[in-house]
Amino acid sequence: MAQSGGRAPDVIVVGVDGSQHAGEALRAAIRQAELTDSLVHAVLAWEWPSIFSVPEPVPGQEGLTFEEQAQLRLDAAVEAVAGPGPHPRIRKRALQGSPTQVLLDAARDAVLLVVGSRGYGGFKGIMLGSVSHHLAQYAPCSVLIVRADETR
């Protein structure tokens, strides 16, 4: 990834949550990075569960912190799209906070922010989720919203 004039490569931030839409967004971000000689920053946001919504432990992840579980989910999502590592063009970060704010902060110095049209939340027929809708309005860079083929 040699850049002319010694400047750092451009960064494409992609929101990853393990959903089919996020997988398609990651696929699109990787392809764009290949075309533009950029880096992909795959970001997964995680939040502390409320007292009323503590999730059941995932088999094999008992005893792991929420951050460690998020990192494993991010690693699995990247591997599902990009194949087994190493991935020199991809950086992975699991960050605590709301998905909208985490992605807005991550995109501060990016040339492109890529997200799926919706993640795990929301309703099946909805065309645009609340996170992607907010990012389209407030992101500091261009935003690409990717829809997944529901028939796959």
N, C-alpha and C. Protein backbone atom coordinates (compact mmCIF):
# COMPACT_ATOMS: atom_id res chain seq x y z
N MET A 1 0.82 -1.18 0.00
CA MET A 1 0.00 0.00 0.00
C MET A 1 0.86 1.25 0.00
N ALA A 2 1.71 1.36 -0.94
CA ALA A 2 2.54 2.56 -1.04
C ALA A 2 1.70 3.72 -1.56
N GLN A 3 1.78 4.82 -0.86
CA GLN A 3 1.04 6.01 -1.26
C GLN A 3 2.02 7.01 -1.87
N SER A 4 1.59 7.70 -2.90
CA SER A 4 2.45 8.69 -3.53
C SER A 4 2.69 9.84 -2.56
N GLY A 5 3.90 10.36 -2.58
CA GLY A 5 4.24 11.49 -1.74
C GLY A 5 4.39 11.15 -0.28
N GLY A 6 4.43 9.86 0.07
CA GLY A 6 4.63 9.46 1.45
C GLY A 6 3.45 9.70 2.36
N ARG A 7 2.30 10.04 1.84
CA ARG A 7 1.14 10.27 2.71
C ARG A 7 0.52 8.96 3.14
N ALA A 8 -0.17 9.02 4.24
CA ALA A 8 -0.82 7.82 4.78
C ALA A 8 -1.97 7.41 3.86
N PRO A 9 -2.27 6.12 3.81
CA PRO A 9 -3.39 5.67 2.97
C PRO A 9 -4.72 6.19 3.51
N ASP A 10 -5.65 6.37 2.61
CA ASP A 10 -7.00 6.76 3.01
C ASP A 10 -7.62 5.64 3.84
N VAL A 11 -8.59 6.01 4.66
CA VAL A 11 -9.26 5.05 5.54
C VAL A 11 -10.73 4.97 5.18
N ILE A 12 -11.21 3.75 5.06
CA ILE A 12 -12.63 3.46 4.87
C ILE A 12 -13.10 2.77 6.15
N VAL A 13 -14.05 3.38 6.83
CA VAL A 13 -14.60 2.79 8.05
C VAL A 13 -15.85 2.01 7.68
N VAL A 14 -15.99 0.81 8.25
CA VAL A 14 -17.17 0.00 7.99
C VAL A 14 -17.73 -0.51 9.32
N GLY A 15 -19.04 -0.36 9.48
CA GLY A 15 -19.72 -0.85 10.67
C GLY A 15 -20.02 -2.33 10.52
N VAL A 16 -19.62 -3.10 11.53
CA VAL A 16 -19.79 -4.55 11.50
C VAL A 16 -20.57 -4.97 12.74
N ASP A 17 -21.61 -5.77 12.57
CA ASP A 17 -22.34 -6.29 13.73
C ASP A 17 -22.66 -7.78 13.59
N GLY A 18 -22.18 -8.40 12.52
CA GLY A 18 -22.44 -9.82 12.31
C GLY A 18 -23.68 -10.10 11.50
N SER A 19 -24.46 -9.07 11.16
CA SER A 19 -25.67 -9.27 10.36
C SER A 19 -25.32 -9.45 8.89
N GLN A 20 -26.26 -9.94 8.12
CA GLN A 20 -26.05 -10.13 6.68
C GLN A 20 -25.79 -8.79 5.99
N HIS A 21 -26.52 -7.74 6.38
CA HIS A 21 -26.31 -6.42 5.79
C HIS A 21 -24.90 -5.91 6.09
N ALA A 22 -24.44 -6.10 7.32
CA ALA A 22 -23.08 -5.67 7.68
C ALA A 22 -22.03 -6.46 6.91
N GLY A 23 -22.30 -7.73 6.67
CA GLY A 23 -21.38 -8.54 5.87
C GLY A 23 -21.25 -7.99 4.46
N GLU A 24 -22.36 -7.60 3.87
CA GLU A 24 -22.32 -7.00 2.53
C GLU A 24 -21.61 -5.65 2.56
N ALA A 25 -21.79 -4.89 3.64
CA ALA A 25 -21.10 -3.61 3.78
C ALA A 25 -19.59 -3.83 3.87
N LEU A 26 -19.18 -4.83 4.64
CA LEU A 26 -17.76 -5.15 4.75
C LEU A 26 -17.19 -5.58 3.41
N ARG A 27 -17.93 -6.40 2.70
CA ARG A 27 -17.50 -6.84 1.36
C ARG A 27 -17.30 -5.63 0.44
N ALA A 28 -18.24 -4.68 0.48
CA ALA A 28 -18.14 -3.47 -0.36
C ALA A 28 -16.95 -2.60 0.07
N ALA A 29 -16.72 -2.48 1.37
CA ALA A 29 -15.60 -1.67 1.86
C ALA A 29 -14.26 -2.28 1.45
N ILE A 30 -14.15 -3.58 1.54
CA ILE A 30 -12.90 -4.25 1.14
C ILE A 30 -12.65 -4.04 -0.35
N ARG A 31 -13.68 -4.19 -1.15
CA ARG A 31 -13.53 -3.99 -2.61
C ARG A 31 -13.13 -2.55 -2.92
N GLN A 32 -13.75 -1.58 -2.26
CA GLN A 32 -13.41 -0.17 -2.48
C GLN A 32 -11.97 0.11 -2.04
N ALA A 33 -11.55 -0.50 -0.94
CA ALA A 33 -10.18 -0.33 -0.47
C ALA A 33 -9.18 -0.89 -1.48
N GLU A 34 -9.51 -2.02 -2.08
CA GLU A 34 -8.63 -2.59 -3.11
C GLU A 34 -8.52 -1.66 -4.31
N LEU A 35 -9.64 -1.05 -4.70
CA LEU A 35 -9.65 -0.16 -5.87
C LEU A 35 -8.91 1.15 -5.62
N THR A 36 -8.93 1.62 -4.37
CA THR A 36 -8.37 2.93 -4.06
C THR A 36 -7.10 2.86 -3.21
N ASP A 37 -6.57 1.66 -3.00
CA ASP A 37 -5.38 1.46 -2.19
C ASP A 37 -5.54 2.08 -0.81
N SER A 38 -6.67 1.79 -0.18
CA SER A 38 -7.02 2.33 1.14
C SER A 38 -6.99 1.23 2.19
N LEU A 39 -7.10 1.64 3.43
CA LEU A 39 -7.23 0.72 4.56
C LEU A 39 -8.69 0.63 4.97
N VAL A 40 -9.10 -0.52 5.46
CA VAL A 40 -10.44 -0.72 6.00
C VAL A 40 -10.33 -0.78 7.52
N HIS A 41 -11.11 0.04 8.19
CA HIS A 41 -11.23 -0.04 9.64
C HIS A 41 -12.60 -0.63 9.94
N ALA A 42 -12.62 -1.91 10.28
CA ALA A 42 -13.87 -2.61 10.63
C ALA A 42 -14.15 -2.34 12.10
N VAL A 43 -15.31 -1.75 12.37
CA VAL A 43 -15.64 -1.32 13.73
C VAL A 43 -16.92 -1.99 14.19
N LEU A 44 -16.86 -2.59 15.37
CA LEU A 44 -18.04 -3.17 16.00
C LEU A 44 -18.28 -2.42 17.30
N ALA A 45 -19.47 -1.86 17.45
CA ALA A 45 -19.83 -1.15 18.68
C ALA A 45 -20.54 -2.11 19.61
N TRP A 46 -20.20 -2.05 20.88
CA TRP A 46 -20.90 -2.87 21.87
C TRP A 46 -21.29 -1.97 23.04
N GLU A 47 -22.37 -2.34 23.69
CA GLU A 47 -22.86 -1.57 24.82
C GLU A 47 -23.04 -2.47 26.03
N TRP A 48 -22.90 -1.89 27.20
CA TRP A 48 -23.18 -2.62 28.43
C TRP A 48 -24.65 -2.97 28.44
N PRO A 49 -24.99 -4.20 28.75
CA PRO A 49 -26.41 -4.56 28.81
C PRO A 49 -27.07 -3.89 30.02
N SER A 50 -28.34 -3.60 29.88
CA SER A 50 -29.07 -3.05 31.02
C SER A 50 -29.38 -4.18 31.99
N ILE A 51 -29.78 -3.83 33.17
CA ILE A 51 -30.11 -4.83 34.18
C ILE A 51 -31.25 -5.73 33.72
N PHE A 52 -32.06 -5.22 32.78
CA PHE A 52 -33.22 -5.97 32.30
C PHE A 52 -32.93 -6.79 31.05
N SER A 53 -31.74 -6.63 30.47
CA SER A 53 -31.46 -7.33 29.20
C SER A 53 -30.10 -8.00 29.18
N VAL A 54 -29.71 -8.60 30.27
CA VAL A 54 -28.43 -9.30 30.29
C VAL A 54 -28.55 -10.54 29.41
N PRO A 55 -27.71 -10.64 28.36
CA PRO A 55 -27.83 -11.77 27.44
C PRO A 55 -27.35 -13.08 28.06
N GLU A 56 -27.88 -14.17 27.54
CA GLU A 56 -27.41 -15.49 27.94
C GLU A 56 -25.98 -15.65 27.43
N PRO A 57 -25.13 -16.32 28.20
CA PRO A 57 -23.76 -16.52 27.73
C PRO A 57 -23.74 -17.35 26.44
N VAL A 58 -22.89 -16.97 25.53
CA VAL A 58 -22.71 -17.72 24.29
C VAL A 58 -21.87 -18.95 24.62
N PRO A 59 -22.29 -20.13 24.16
CA PRO A 59 -21.51 -21.33 24.45
C PRO A 59 -20.04 -21.15 24.04
N GLY A 60 -19.15 -21.47 24.96
CA GLY A 60 -17.73 -21.32 24.71
C GLY A 60 -17.19 -19.96 25.09
N GLN A 61 -18.07 -19.03 25.45
CA GLN A 61 -17.62 -17.68 25.81
C GLN A 61 -17.92 -17.34 27.27
N GLU A 62 -18.30 -18.34 28.05
CA GLU A 62 -18.54 -18.10 29.46
C GLU A 62 -17.27 -17.55 30.09
N GLY A 63 -17.42 -16.57 30.94
CA GLY A 63 -16.28 -16.00 31.64
C GLY A 63 -15.56 -14.90 30.87
N LEU A 64 -15.92 -14.67 29.62
CA LEU A 64 -15.30 -13.59 28.86
C LEU A 64 -16.01 -12.27 29.15
N THR A 65 -15.27 -11.19 29.10
CA THR A 65 -15.89 -9.87 29.27
C THR A 65 -16.73 -9.55 28.04
N PHE A 66 -17.61 -8.56 28.17
CA PHE A 66 -18.41 -8.14 27.02
C PHE A 66 -17.51 -7.65 25.89
N GLU A 67 -16.43 -6.98 26.24
CA GLU A 67 -15.49 -6.49 25.23
C GLU A 67 -14.82 -7.66 24.50
N GLU A 68 -14.41 -8.68 25.24
CA GLU A 68 -13.80 -9.86 24.62
C GLU A 68 -14.79 -10.58 23.71
N GLN A 69 -16.04 -10.68 24.15
CA GLN A 69 -17.07 -11.30 23.31
C GLN A 69 -17.29 -10.49 22.03
N ALA A 70 -17.29 -9.15 22.16
CA ALA A 70 -17.46 -8.29 20.99
C ALA A 70 -16.30 -8.48 20.02
N GLN A 71 -15.08 -8.57 20.55
CA GLN A 71 -13.91 -8.76 19.68
C GLN A 71 -13.99 -10.10 18.95
N LEU A 72 -14.43 -11.14 19.64
CA LEU A 72 -14.60 -12.44 18.98
C LEU A 72 -15.66 -12.36 17.88
N ARG A 73 -16.75 -11.65 18.14
CA ARG A 73 -17.80 -11.48 17.13
C ARG A 73 -17.27 -10.72 15.92
N LEU A 74 -16.48 -9.69 16.16
CA LEU A 74 -15.87 -8.93 15.07
C LEU A 74 -14.91 -9.79 14.27
N ASP A 75 -14.05 -10.53 14.95
CA ASP A 75 -13.10 -11.42 14.27
C ASP A 75 -13.84 -12.42 13.38
N ALA A 76 -14.91 -13.01 13.92
CA ALA A 76 -15.69 -14.00 13.15
C ALA A 76 -16.36 -13.35 11.94
N ALA A 77 -16.89 -12.14 12.11
CA ALA A 77 -17.56 -11.46 11.00
C ALA A 77 -16.57 -11.13 9.88
N VAL A 78 -15.38 -10.66 10.24
CA VAL A 78 -14.37 -10.35 9.23
C VAL A 78 -13.91 -11.63 8.53
N GLU A 79 -13.69 -12.68 9.29
CA GLU A 79 -13.26 -13.94 8.69
C GLU A 79 -14.33 -14.52 7.77
N ALA A 80 -15.60 -14.35 8.12
CA ALA A 80 -16.69 -14.87 7.28
C ALA A 80 -16.70 -14.19 5.91
N VAL A 81 -16.29 -12.93 5.86
CA VAL A 81 -16.29 -12.20 4.58
C VAL A 81 -14.94 -12.27 3.88
N ALA A 82 -13.86 -12.05 4.62
CA ALA A 82 -12.53 -11.93 4.01
C ALA A 82 -11.76 -13.24 4.00
N GLY A 83 -12.27 -14.26 4.68
CA GLY A 83 -11.56 -15.52 4.78
C GLY A 83 -10.57 -15.47 5.93
N PRO A 84 -9.89 -16.61 6.17
CA PRO A 84 -8.93 -16.65 7.27
C PRO A 84 -7.81 -15.65 7.03
N GLY A 85 -7.28 -15.06 8.11
CA GLY A 85 -6.26 -14.02 8.03
C GLY A 85 -4.95 -14.54 7.49
N PRO A 86 -3.94 -13.70 7.43
CA PRO A 86 -3.95 -12.30 7.84
C PRO A 86 -4.60 -11.40 6.79
N HIS A 87 -5.03 -10.24 7.24
CA HIS A 87 -5.66 -9.25 6.36
C HIS A 87 -4.92 -7.92 6.52
N PRO A 88 -3.83 -7.72 5.79
CA PRO A 88 -3.01 -6.51 6.00
C PRO A 88 -3.75 -5.21 5.70
N ARG A 89 -4.82 -5.27 4.93
CA ARG A 89 -5.56 -4.06 4.58
C ARG A 89 -6.66 -3.74 5.61
N ILE A 90 -6.94 -4.67 6.53
CA ILE A 90 -8.06 -4.52 7.46
C ILE A 90 -7.56 -4.35 8.89
N ARG A 91 -8.06 -3.33 9.57
CA ARG A 91 -7.85 -3.13 11.01
C ARG A 91 -9.19 -3.37 11.69
N LYS A 92 -9.18 -4.01 12.84
CA LYS A 92 -10.42 -4.34 13.54
C LYS A 92 -10.43 -3.68 14.92
N ARG A 93 -11.60 -3.09 15.27
CA ARG A 93 -11.72 -2.47 16.58
C ARG A 93 -13.13 -2.69 17.12
N ALA A 94 -13.21 -3.26 18.31
CA ALA A 94 -14.48 -3.36 19.03
C ALA A 94 -14.47 -2.25 20.07
N LEU A 95 -15.43 -1.34 19.96
CA LEU A 95 -15.46 -0.16 20.81
C LEU A 95 -16.76 -0.08 21.58
N GLN A 96 -16.66 0.32 22.85
CA GLN A 96 -17.84 0.45 23.68
C GLN A 96 -18.56 1.76 23.38
N GLY A 97 -19.88 1.67 23.21
CA GLY A 97 -20.70 2.86 22.98
C GLY A 97 -21.83 2.55 22.04
N SER A 98 -22.68 3.55 21.82
CA SER A 98 -23.79 3.36 20.90
C SER A 98 -23.24 3.26 19.48
N PRO A 99 -23.83 2.40 18.64
CA PRO A 99 -23.31 2.23 17.28
C PRO A 99 -23.22 3.55 16.51
N THR A 100 -24.21 4.39 16.61
CA THR A 100 -24.18 5.65 15.87
C THR A 100 -22.99 6.50 16.29
N GLN A 101 -22.80 6.71 17.59
CA GLN A 101 -21.72 7.57 18.05
C GLN A 101 -20.35 6.96 17.79
N VAL A 102 -20.22 5.66 18.02
CA VAL A 102 -18.94 4.99 17.77
C VAL A 102 -18.53 5.14 16.30
N LEU A 103 -19.48 4.94 15.39
CA LEU A 103 -19.16 5.05 13.96
C LEU A 103 -18.91 6.49 13.54
N LEU A 104 -19.65 7.45 14.08
CA LEU A 104 -19.38 8.86 13.78
C LEU A 104 -17.97 9.24 14.23
N ASP A 105 -17.60 8.81 15.43
CA ASP A 105 -16.25 9.10 15.94
C ASP A 105 -15.18 8.43 15.09
N ALA A 106 -15.40 7.17 14.72
CA ALA A 106 -14.42 6.43 13.92
C ALA A 106 -14.24 7.02 12.54
N ALA A 107 -15.30 7.63 12.01
CA ALA A 107 -15.27 8.17 10.65
C ALA A 107 -14.71 9.59 10.58
N ARG A 108 -14.28 10.12 11.70
CA ARG A 108 -13.82 11.51 11.76
C ARG A 108 -12.75 11.81 10.71
N ASP A 109 -11.81 10.90 10.49
CA ASP A 109 -10.72 11.12 9.53
C ASP A 109 -10.82 10.19 8.33
N ALA A 110 -11.98 9.59 8.12
CA ALA A 110 -12.16 8.65 7.01
C ALA A 110 -12.60 9.37 5.75
N VAL A 111 -12.37 8.73 4.61
CA VAL A 111 -12.87 9.26 3.34
C VAL A 111 -14.24 8.67 3.02
N LEU A 112 -14.57 7.53 3.66
CA LEU A 112 -15.84 6.85 3.39
C LEU A 112 -16.25 6.05 4.61
N LEU A 113 -17.56 6.07 4.87
CA LEU A 113 -18.15 5.25 5.93
C LEU A 113 -19.14 4.32 5.25
N VAL A 114 -18.98 3.02 5.48
CA VAL A 114 -19.83 2.02 4.84
C VAL A 114 -20.60 1.27 5.93
N VAL A 115 -21.92 1.18 5.76
CA VAL A 115 -22.76 0.46 6.71
C VAL A 115 -23.82 -0.32 5.96
N GLY A 116 -24.34 -1.33 6.62
CA GLY A 116 -25.49 -2.04 6.07
C GLY A 116 -26.74 -1.20 6.27
N SER A 117 -27.74 -1.45 5.44
CA SER A 117 -28.96 -0.65 5.54
C SER A 117 -29.69 -0.90 6.85
N ARG A 118 -29.46 -2.05 7.45
CA ARG A 118 -29.98 -2.32 8.79
C ARG A 118 -29.19 -3.46 9.40
N GLY A 119 -29.24 -3.53 10.72
CA GLY A 119 -28.51 -4.57 11.43
C GLY A 119 -29.47 -5.57 12.02
N TYR A 120 -29.15 -6.03 13.21
CA TYR A 120 -29.98 -7.03 13.87
C TYR A 120 -31.27 -6.45 14.42
N GLY A 121 -31.26 -5.19 14.80
CA GLY A 121 -32.46 -4.58 15.39
C GLY A 121 -33.48 -4.23 14.33
N GLY A 122 -34.60 -3.72 14.79
CA GLY A 122 -35.60 -3.22 13.86
C GLY A 122 -36.51 -4.29 13.31
N PHE A 123 -37.19 -3.93 12.26
CA PHE A 123 -38.20 -4.80 11.67
C PHE A 123 -37.74 -5.26 10.30
N LYS A 124 -38.07 -6.50 9.95
CA LYS A 124 -37.57 -7.14 8.74
C LYS A 124 -37.84 -6.35 7.47
N GLY A 125 -39.00 -5.77 7.31
CA GLY A 125 -39.34 -5.09 6.06
C GLY A 125 -38.80 -3.69 5.92
N ILE A 126 -38.21 -3.16 6.98
CA ILE A 126 -37.76 -1.77 6.94
C ILE A 126 -36.57 -1.64 5.98
N MET A 127 -36.57 -0.56 5.22
CA MET A 127 -35.53 -0.36 4.21
C MET A 127 -34.26 0.26 4.78
N LEU A 128 -34.39 1.09 5.82
CA LEU A 128 -33.24 1.80 6.36
C LEU A 128 -33.35 1.82 7.87
N GLY A 129 -32.36 1.28 8.56
CA GLY A 129 -32.37 1.26 10.01
C GLY A 129 -32.04 2.61 10.60
N SER A 130 -32.27 2.75 11.89
CA SER A 130 -32.05 4.04 12.55
C SER A 130 -30.58 4.45 12.55
N VAL A 131 -29.66 3.49 12.72
CA VAL A 131 -28.24 3.83 12.73
C VAL A 131 -27.81 4.34 11.35
N SER A 132 -28.14 3.60 10.30
CA SER A 132 -27.73 4.04 8.96
C SER A 132 -28.39 5.37 8.59
N HIS A 133 -29.62 5.57 9.03
CA HIS A 133 -30.32 6.83 8.77
C HIS A 133 -29.58 7.99 9.44
N HIS A 134 -29.21 7.86 10.70
CA HIS A 134 -28.48 8.92 11.40
C HIS A 134 -27.10 9.15 10.79
N LEU A 135 -26.42 8.08 10.42
CA LEU A 135 -25.10 8.24 9.84
C LEU A 135 -25.16 8.98 8.51
N ALA A 136 -26.18 8.68 7.71
CA ALA A 136 -26.34 9.38 6.43
C ALA A 136 -26.52 10.88 6.65
N GLN A 137 -27.14 11.25 7.75
CA GLN A 137 -27.38 12.67 8.03
C GLN A 137 -26.17 13.37 8.64
N TYR A 138 -25.43 12.69 9.49
CA TYR A 138 -24.45 13.38 10.33
C TYR A 138 -22.99 12.99 10.13
N ALA A 139 -22.69 12.03 9.28
CA ALA A 139 -21.30 11.58 9.11
C ALA A 139 -20.42 12.69 8.55
N PRO A 140 -19.17 12.74 8.98
CA PRO A 140 -18.24 13.77 8.50
C PRO A 140 -17.62 13.45 7.14
N CYS A 141 -18.05 12.35 6.53
CA CYS A 141 -17.49 11.94 5.24
C CYS A 141 -18.62 11.34 4.40
N SER A 142 -18.30 10.92 3.20
CA SER A 142 -19.29 10.25 2.36
C SER A 142 -19.73 8.95 3.02
N VAL A 143 -20.99 8.57 2.79
CA VAL A 143 -21.55 7.36 3.38
C VAL A 143 -22.10 6.47 2.28
N LEU A 144 -21.76 5.20 2.35
CA LEU A 144 -22.30 4.19 1.45
C LEU A 144 -23.15 3.25 2.30
N ILE A 145 -24.44 3.13 1.96
CA ILE A 145 -25.34 2.25 2.68
C ILE A 145 -25.64 1.08 1.76
N VAL A 146 -25.32 -0.13 2.24
CA VAL A 146 -25.40 -1.33 1.41
C VAL A 146 -26.54 -2.20 1.87
N ARG A 147 -27.35 -2.63 0.92
CA ARG A 147 -28.43 -3.58 1.22
C ARG A 147 -27.95 -4.98 0.92
N ALA A 148 -28.43 -5.92 1.71
CA ALA A 148 -28.10 -7.33 1.49
C ALA A 148 -29.18 -7.95 0.64
N ASP A 149 -28.80 -8.95 -0.13
CA ASP A 149 -29.76 -9.73 -0.90
C ASP A 149 -30.43 -10.69 0.07
N GLU A 150 -31.70 -10.46 0.36
CA GLU A 150 -32.43 -11.26 1.35
C GLU A 150 -32.63 -12.72 0.91
N THR A 151 -32.40 -13.02 -0.36
CA THR A 151 -32.62 -14.38 -0.84
C THR A 151 -31.42 -15.28 -0.61
N ARG A 152 -30.25 -14.72 -0.22
CA ARG A 152 -29.06 -15.54 0.00
C ARG A 152 -29.18 -16.34 1.26
